[in-house]
Amino acid sequence: MRSRLREFEGAALDDTVEGRWRALSTTFPLSEAPSAHRALEERRTVGEVVLLP
């Protein structure tokens, strides 16, 4: 079981490095922080919410 998990981890990391997979995130400009909070509260986001400067 452990070797299968290691195999999966390795494949996921390879896919990330090769650009075949990306983490799910939603970005908002910092100036729209209130909108980002509303989106979180209303569960309109998937994955991470990132505020950009």
Protein backbone atom coordinates (compact mmCIF):
# COMPACT_ATOMS: atom_id res chain seq x y z
CA MET A 1 0.00 0.00 0.00
CA ARG A 2 2.77 2.43 0.92
CA SER A 3 4.65 1.86 -2.35
CA ARG A 4 1.44 2.54 -4.28
CA LEU A 5 1.01 5.84 -2.44
CA ARG A 6 4.62 6.79 -3.22
CA GLU A 7 3.98 5.95 -6.88
CA PHE A 8 0.89 8.18 -6.90
CA GLU A 9 2.78 11.03 -5.19
CA GLY A 10 5.60 10.78 -7.70
CA ALA A 11 3.19 10.83 -10.64
CA ALA A 12 1.34 13.85 -9.21
CA LEU A 13 4.58 15.76 -8.71
CA ASP A 14 5.76 14.88 -12.21
CA ASP A 15 2.44 16.09 -13.66
CA THR A 16 2.76 19.34 -11.73
CA VAL A 17 6.31 19.96 -12.93
CA GLU A 18 5.31 19.21 -16.52
CA GLY A 19 2.32 21.58 -16.33
CA ARG A 20 -0.29 18.84 -16.78
CA TRP A 21 -1.85 19.57 -13.37
CA ARG A 22 -2.42 22.74 -11.37
CA ALA A 23 -3.73 23.35 -7.90
CA LEU A 24 -7.26 24.72 -7.79
CA SER A 25 -7.33 28.33 -6.72
CA THR A 26 -9.35 31.49 -7.15
CA THR A 27 -7.55 34.82 -7.24
CA PHE A 28 -8.74 38.31 -6.39
CA PRO A 29 -6.90 41.63 -6.43
CA LEU A 30 -6.19 42.84 -2.92
CA SER A 31 -8.45 45.81 -3.62
CA GLU A 32 -11.34 43.33 -3.95
CA ALA A 33 -10.76 41.62 -0.58
CA PRO A 34 -14.38 42.21 0.53
CA SER A 35 -15.58 40.41 -2.62
CA ALA A 36 -13.21 37.54 -1.89
CA HIS A 37 -14.63 37.20 1.62
CA ARG A 38 -18.18 37.20 0.29
CA ALA A 39 -17.27 34.53 -2.26
CA LEU A 40 -15.82 32.38 0.53
CA GLU A 41 -18.85 32.86 2.76
CA GLU A 42 -21.20 32.00 -0.11
CA ARG A 43 -19.10 28.98 -1.09
CA ARG A 44 -18.55 30.28 -4.63
CA THR A 45 -14.86 29.33 -4.65
CA VAL A 46 -12.95 26.13 -5.31
CA GLY A 47 -9.63 25.40 -3.65
CA GLU A 48 -7.49 28.20 -2.29
CA VAL A 49 -8.45 31.85 -2.36
CA VAL A 50 -5.44 34.07 -3.08
CA LEU A 51 -5.35 37.86 -2.77
CA LEU A 52 -2.88 39.42 -5.22
CA PRO A 53 -1.13 42.73 -4.54
